[in-house]
C-alpha atoms as a PDB file:
ATOM      1  CA  MET A   1      39.392   2.707 -22.792  1.00  0.00           C
ATOM      2  CA  LEU A   2      38.483   0.668 -19.824  1.00  0.00           C
ATOM      3  CA  THR A   3      41.763  -1.236 -18.574  1.00  0.00           C
ATOM      4  CA  SER A   4      41.330  -4.186 -16.795  1.00  0.00           C
ATOM      5  CA  THR A   5      42.425  -2.826 -13.550  1.00  0.00           C
ATOM      6  CA  THR A   6      39.469  -0.301 -13.918  1.00  0.00           C
ATOM      7  CA  ARG A   7      36.615  -2.916 -14.714  1.00  0.00           C
ATOM      8  CA  ILE A   8      37.791  -5.068 -11.617  1.00  0.00           C
ATOM      9  CA  ILE A   9      37.324  -1.739  -9.256  1.00  0.00           C
ATOM     10  CA  ALA A  10      34.057  -0.936 -10.995  1.00  0.00           C
ATOM     11  CA  ALA A  11      32.813  -4.339 -10.493  1.00  0.00           C
ATOM     12  CA  VAL A  12      33.691  -3.888  -6.733  1.00  0.00           C
ATOM     13  CA  VAL A  13      31.957  -0.487  -6.407  1.00  0.00           C
ATOM     14  CA  ALA A  14      28.680  -2.180  -8.002  1.00  0.00           C
ATOM     15  CA  ALA A  15      28.850  -5.082  -5.438  1.00  0.00           C
ATOM     16  CA  ALA A  16      29.451  -2.857  -2.541  1.00  0.00           C
ATOM     17  CA  VAL A  17      26.509  -0.581  -3.583  1.00  0.00           C
ATOM     18  CA  THR A  18      24.161  -4.037  -3.805  1.00  0.00           C
ATOM     19  CA  LEU A  19      24.911  -5.235  -0.288  1.00  0.00           C
ATOM     20  CA  PRO A  20      22.585  -4.476   2.295  1.00  0.00           C
ATOM     21  CA  LEU A  21      24.308  -2.619   5.453  1.00  0.00           C
ATOM     22  CA  THR A  22      23.561  -4.892   8.172  1.00  0.00           C
ATOM     23  CA  ALA A  23      27.211  -6.163   8.550  1.00  0.00           C
ATOM     24  CA  GLY A  24      28.147  -3.309  10.203  1.00  0.00           C
ATOM     25  CA  ALA A  25      24.942  -1.278  11.130  1.00  0.00           C
ATOM     26  CA  VAL A  26      24.554   0.575  14.445  1.00  0.00           C
ATOM     27  CA  THR A  27      21.593  -0.093  16.394  1.00  0.00           C
ATOM     28  CA  ARG A  28      19.389   1.001  19.700  1.00  0.00           C
ATOM     29  CA  THR A  29      17.330  -0.722  22.096  1.00  0.00           C
ATOM     30  CA  ALA A  30      14.679   0.142  24.562  1.00  0.00           C
ATOM     31  CA  THR A  31      12.641  -1.804  27.382  1.00  0.00           C
ATOM     32  CA  PHE A  32       9.279  -1.521  28.452  1.00  0.00           C
ATOM     33  CA  ASP A  33       7.588  -3.058  31.370  1.00  0.00           C
ATOM     34  CA  ILE A  34       3.777  -4.517  30.886  1.00  0.00           C
ATOM     35  CA  SER A  35       2.204  -4.741  34.287  1.00  0.00           C
ATOM     36  CA  MET A  36      -1.841  -5.076  35.885  1.00  0.00           C
ATOM     37  CA  LYS A  37      -2.501  -5.213  39.614  1.00  0.00           C
ATOM     38  CA  ILE A  38      -5.153  -7.806  40.567  1.00  0.00           C
ATOM     39  CA  VAL A  39      -7.572  -6.611  43.880  1.00  0.00           C
ATOM     40  CA  ALA A  40      -9.700  -8.394  46.037  1.00  0.00           C
ATOM     41  CA  ASP A  41     -12.843  -8.819  44.548  1.00  0.00           C
ATOM     42  CA  CYS A  42     -16.042 -11.022  44.542  1.00  0.00           C
ATOM     43  CA  SER A  43     -19.135 -11.794  42.749  1.00  0.00           C
ATOM     44  CA  ILE A  44     -22.512 -13.451  44.112  1.00  0.00           C
ATOM     45  CA  SER A  45     -25.777 -14.074  42.782  1.00  0.00           C
ATOM     46  CA  ALA A  46     -28.597 -16.157  44.533  1.00  0.00           C
ATOM     47  CA  ALA A  47     -31.273 -18.644  43.119  1.00  0.00           C
ATOM     48  CA  ALA A  48     -35.192 -18.447  44.402  1.00  0.00           C
ATOM     49  CA  MET A  49     -35.986 -20.191  47.160  1.00  0.00           C
ATOM     50  CA  ASP A  50     -39.365 -21.893  46.880  1.00  0.00           C
ATOM     51  CA  PHE A  51     -41.046 -24.005  49.222  1.00  0.00           C
ATOM     52  CA  GLY A  52     -44.240 -25.059  47.162  1.00  0.00           C
ATOM     53  CA  GLN A  53     -47.313 -23.910  45.829  1.00  0.00           C
ATOM     54  CA  SER A  54     -49.636 -26.264  47.188  1.00  0.00           C
ATOM     55  CA  GLN A  55     -49.128 -26.408  50.731  1.00  0.00           C
ATOM     56  CA  GLY A  56     -52.151 -26.855  53.261  1.00  0.00           C
ATOM     57  CA  MET A  57     -52.140 -26.923  57.216  1.00  0.00           C
ATOM     58  CA  LEU A  58     -48.461 -26.075  58.314  1.00  0.00           C
ATOM     59  CA  SER A  59     -48.919 -28.745  61.134  1.00  0.00           C
ATOM     60  CA  THR A  60     -45.048 -30.577  59.725  1.00  0.00           C
ATOM     61  CA  ALA A  61     -41.637 -28.849  59.224  1.00  0.00           C
ATOM     62  CA  VAL A  62     -41.586 -28.084  55.572  1.00  0.00           C
ATOM     63  CA  THR A  63     -37.787 -28.262  54.121  1.00  0.00           C
ATOM     64  CA  THR A  64     -36.162 -26.988  50.409  1.00  0.00           C
ATOM     65  CA  SER A  65     -33.464 -25.688  49.517  1.00  0.00           C
ATOM     66  CA  SER A  66     -31.350 -23.331  46.772  1.00  0.00           C
ATOM     67  CA  ASN A  67     -28.032 -22.022  45.999  1.00  0.00           C
ATOM     68  CA  ILE A  68     -25.695 -18.857  46.163  1.00  0.00           C
ATOM     69  CA  SER A  69     -22.807 -18.532  44.283  1.00  0.00           C
ATOM     70  CA  VAL A  70     -19.575 -16.677  44.808  1.00  0.00           C
ATOM     71  CA  THR A  71     -16.685 -16.278  42.892  1.00  0.00           C
ATOM     72  CA  CYS A  72     -13.874 -14.294  44.540  1.00  0.00           C
ATOM     73  CA  THR A  73     -10.011 -13.574  43.070  1.00  0.00           C
ATOM     74  CA  ASN A  74      -7.629 -16.670  44.422  1.00  0.00           C
ATOM     75  CA  THR A  75      -6.340 -16.290  47.951  1.00  0.00           C
ATOM     76  CA  THR A  76      -9.309 -13.560  49.390  1.00  0.00           C
ATOM     77  CA  PRO A  77     -11.109 -14.667  51.997  1.00  0.00           C
ATOM     78  CA  TYR A  78     -14.703 -13.815  52.291  1.00  0.00           C
ATOM     79  CA  ASN A  79     -17.870 -14.207  54.362  1.00  0.00           C
ATOM     80  CA  VAL A  80     -21.368 -14.525  53.174  1.00  0.00           C
ATOM     81  CA  GLY A  81     -24.772 -13.242  55.283  1.00  0.00           C
ATOM     82  CA  LEU A  82     -28.312 -13.650  54.384  1.00  0.00           C
ATOM     83  CA  ASN A  83     -30.216 -10.683  56.255  1.00  0.00           C
ATOM     84  CA  ALA A  84     -33.599 -10.421  57.477  1.00  0.00           C
ATOM     85  CA  GLY A  85     -35.576 -10.282  54.319  1.00  0.00           C
ATOM     86  CA  THR A  86     -38.732  -8.015  53.802  1.00  0.00           C
ATOM     87  CA  GLY A  87     -41.471  -9.966  55.825  1.00  0.00           C
ATOM     88  CA  THR A  88     -43.305  -7.899  58.396  1.00  0.00           C
ATOM     89  CA  GLY A  89     -41.741  -8.482  61.835  1.00  0.00           C
ATOM     90  CA  SER A  90     -38.493 -10.075  60.417  1.00  0.00           C
ATOM     91  CA  SER A  91     -35.287  -9.151  62.555  1.00  0.00           C
ATOM     92  CA  GLY A  92     -32.069 -10.950  62.441  1.00  0.00           C
ATOM     93  CA  THR A  93     -32.138 -14.803  62.116  1.00  0.00           C
ATOM     94  CA  THR A  94     -35.944 -14.690  62.890  1.00  0.00           C
ATOM     95  CA  ARG A  95     -37.860 -14.819  59.412  1.00  0.00           C
ATOM     96  CA  TYR A  96     -41.610 -14.219  58.284  1.00  0.00           C
ATOM     97  CA  MET A  97     -42.997 -14.113  54.882  1.00  0.00           C
ATOM     98  CA  SER A  98     -45.926 -11.680  54.331  1.00  0.00           C
ATOM     99  CA  GLY A  99     -49.412 -11.877  52.775  1.00  0.00           C
ATOM    100  CA  THR A 100     -49.136 -10.505  49.270  1.00  0.00           C
ATOM    101  CA  GLY A 101     -53.029 -10.485  49.193  1.00  0.00           C
ATOM    102  CA  SER A 102     -55.741  -9.453  51.461  1.00  0.00           C
ATOM    103  CA  SER A 103     -54.315 -12.031  54.268  1.00  0.00           C
ATOM    104  CA  ALA A 104     -52.627  -9.971  57.264  1.00  0.00           C
ATOM    105  CA  GLY A 105     -51.045 -13.388  57.951  1.00  0.00           C
ATOM    106  CA  ALA A 106     -47.272 -14.246  58.099  1.00  0.00           C
ATOM    107  CA  VAL A 107     -45.465 -17.787  57.836  1.00  0.00           C
ATOM    108  CA  ARG A 108     -42.209 -17.842  59.809  1.00  0.00           C
ATOM    109  CA  PHE A 109     -39.282 -19.663  58.414  1.00  0.00           C
ATOM    110  CA  ASN A 110     -35.469 -20.722  59.088  1.00  0.00           C
ATOM    111  CA  LEU A 111     -32.628 -20.332  56.771  1.00  0.00           C
ATOM    112  CA  TYR A 112     -29.607 -22.835  57.703  1.00  0.00           C
ATOM    113  CA  GLN A 113     -25.967 -23.201  56.151  1.00  0.00           C
ATOM    114  CA  THR A 114     -26.008 -27.370  57.000  1.00  0.00           C
ATOM    115  CA  PRO A 115     -29.721 -28.861  57.525  1.00  0.00           C
ATOM    116  CA  GLY A 116     -31.293 -28.280  60.833  1.00  0.00           C
ATOM    117  CA  ALA A 117     -28.064 -26.393  62.390  1.00  0.00           C
ATOM    118  CA  GLY A 118     -27.742 -22.802  63.496  1.00  0.00           C
ATOM    119  CA  ALA A 119     -29.592 -20.257  61.782  1.00  0.00           C
ATOM    120  CA  TRP A 120     -27.419 -18.432  58.922  1.00  0.00           C
ATOM    121  CA  GLY A 121     -27.557 -14.412  59.684  1.00  0.00           C
ATOM    122  CA  ASN A 122     -25.391 -11.543  58.692  1.00  0.00           C
ATOM    123  CA  THR A 123     -23.006 -10.723  61.973  1.00  0.00           C
ATOM    124  CA  GLN A 124     -19.584 -11.787  60.581  1.00  0.00           C
ATOM    125  CA  GLY A 125     -17.786 -13.953  62.324  1.00  0.00           C
ATOM    126  CA  SER A 126     -20.853 -15.750  64.059  1.00  0.00           C
ATOM    127  CA  ASP A 127     -23.672 -16.688  61.762  1.00  0.00           C
ATOM    128  CA  THR A 128     -21.784 -15.825  58.630  1.00  0.00           C
ATOM    129  CA  MET A 129     -20.450 -18.725  56.247  1.00  0.00           C
ATOM    130  CA  SER A 130     -16.607 -17.915  55.034  1.00  0.00           C
ATOM    131  CA  GLY A 131     -14.794 -19.312  52.582  1.00  0.00           C
ATOM    132  CA  THR A 132     -11.498 -18.453  50.636  1.00  0.00           C
ATOM    133  CA  GLY A 133     -12.044 -17.686  46.870  1.00  0.00           C
ATOM    134  CA  THR A 134     -10.398 -19.902  44.143  1.00  0.00           C
ATOM    135  CA  GLY A 135     -10.891 -17.552  41.013  1.00  0.00           C
ATOM    136  CA  SER A 136     -13.865 -20.069  40.371  1.00  0.00           C
ATOM    137  CA  LEU A 137     -17.441 -19.989  40.811  1.00  0.00           C
ATOM    138  CA  GLN A 138     -17.791 -21.883  44.491  1.00  0.00           C
ATOM    139  CA  THR A 139     -21.873 -22.760  45.151  1.00  0.00           C
ATOM    140  CA  LEU A 140     -23.012 -22.051  48.634  1.00  0.00           C
ATOM    141  CA  THR A 141     -26.359 -24.313  49.771  1.00  0.00           C
ATOM    142  CA  VAL A 142     -28.877 -22.290  51.571  1.00  0.00           C
ATOM    143  CA  TYR A 143     -31.486 -24.914  53.367  1.00  0.00           C
ATOM    144  CA  GLY A 144     -34.847 -23.503  54.748  1.00  0.00           C
ATOM    145  CA  GLU A 145     -37.438 -24.632  56.666  1.00  0.00           C
ATOM    146  CA  ILE A 146     -41.088 -24.032  57.846  1.00  0.00           C
ATOM    147  CA  PRO A 147     -41.628 -25.338  61.202  1.00  0.00           C
ATOM    148  CA  ALA A 148     -44.974 -26.678  62.041  1.00  0.00           C
ATOM    149  CA  GLN A 149     -47.019 -23.567  62.922  1.00  0.00           C
ATOM    150  CA  ALA A 150     -50.254 -22.368  63.311  1.00  0.00           C
ATOM    151  CA  THR A 151     -51.650 -22.127  59.381  1.00  0.00           C
ATOM    152  CA  PRO A 152     -52.504 -18.456  58.533  1.00  0.00           C
ATOM    153  CA  ALA A 153     -55.176 -17.481  55.962  1.00  0.00           C
ATOM    154  CA  PRO A 154     -54.519 -18.800  52.395  1.00  0.00           C
ATOM    155  CA  ASP A 155     -52.629 -16.472  50.247  1.00  0.00           C
ATOM    156  CA  THR A 156     -49.345 -15.969  48.543  1.00  0.00           C
ATOM    157  CA  TYR A 157     -46.546 -15.514  51.315  1.00  0.00           C
ATOM    158  CA  LYS A 158     -43.559 -13.708  50.272  1.00  0.00           C
ATOM    159  CA  SER A 159     -40.369 -12.197  51.840  1.00  0.00           C
ATOM    160  CA  THR A 160     -37.057 -11.302  49.908  1.00  0.00           C
ATOM    161  CA  VAL A 161     -33.707 -12.220  51.351  1.00  0.00           C
ATOM    162  CA  THR A 162     -30.564 -10.270  51.158  1.00  0.00           C
ATOM    163  CA  ALA A 163     -27.184 -12.231  50.499  1.00  0.00           C
ATOM    164  CA  THR A 164     -23.932 -10.034  51.020  1.00  0.00           C
ATOM    165  CA  VAL A 165     -20.707 -11.360  50.515  1.00  0.00           C
ATOM    166  CA  TYR A 166     -17.787  -9.498  52.658  1.00  0.00           C
ATOM    167  CA  PHE A 167     -14.497  -9.826  51.820  1.00  0.00           C
END
């Protein structure tokens, strides 16, 4: 037969067994670092420049423009240069478009950072365009001009210019 004291002890033991052990639990923790390194980086793309498809005599200057898109990491200084292009006789900032058909002729053209200013070239610190990255896309305008010149034979004239971002 259970006495009242035994019943009380049994009730206390039963309650203790069902209580969570959080009151006096021992724990251990560990920390770890999360890191990454951002390095200076840039990307560049360029839109085609088209002086038109119906030019006749080149007795007056023909102008147009296109864009170069540069994205550089924030605070990264950069320079954008334009090479001479692929036209026969092109060198430095002297540029030509060559005939793509039967014409061996060439059309001289100029590229500028601002209309009519000094030619845009590929020599850093001299004739490239400088800027500082913001982490967002920056648009640079390239101004093109075909100066008045002797008109070559009818043909399609072309040059491929490479834009380079130095950082």
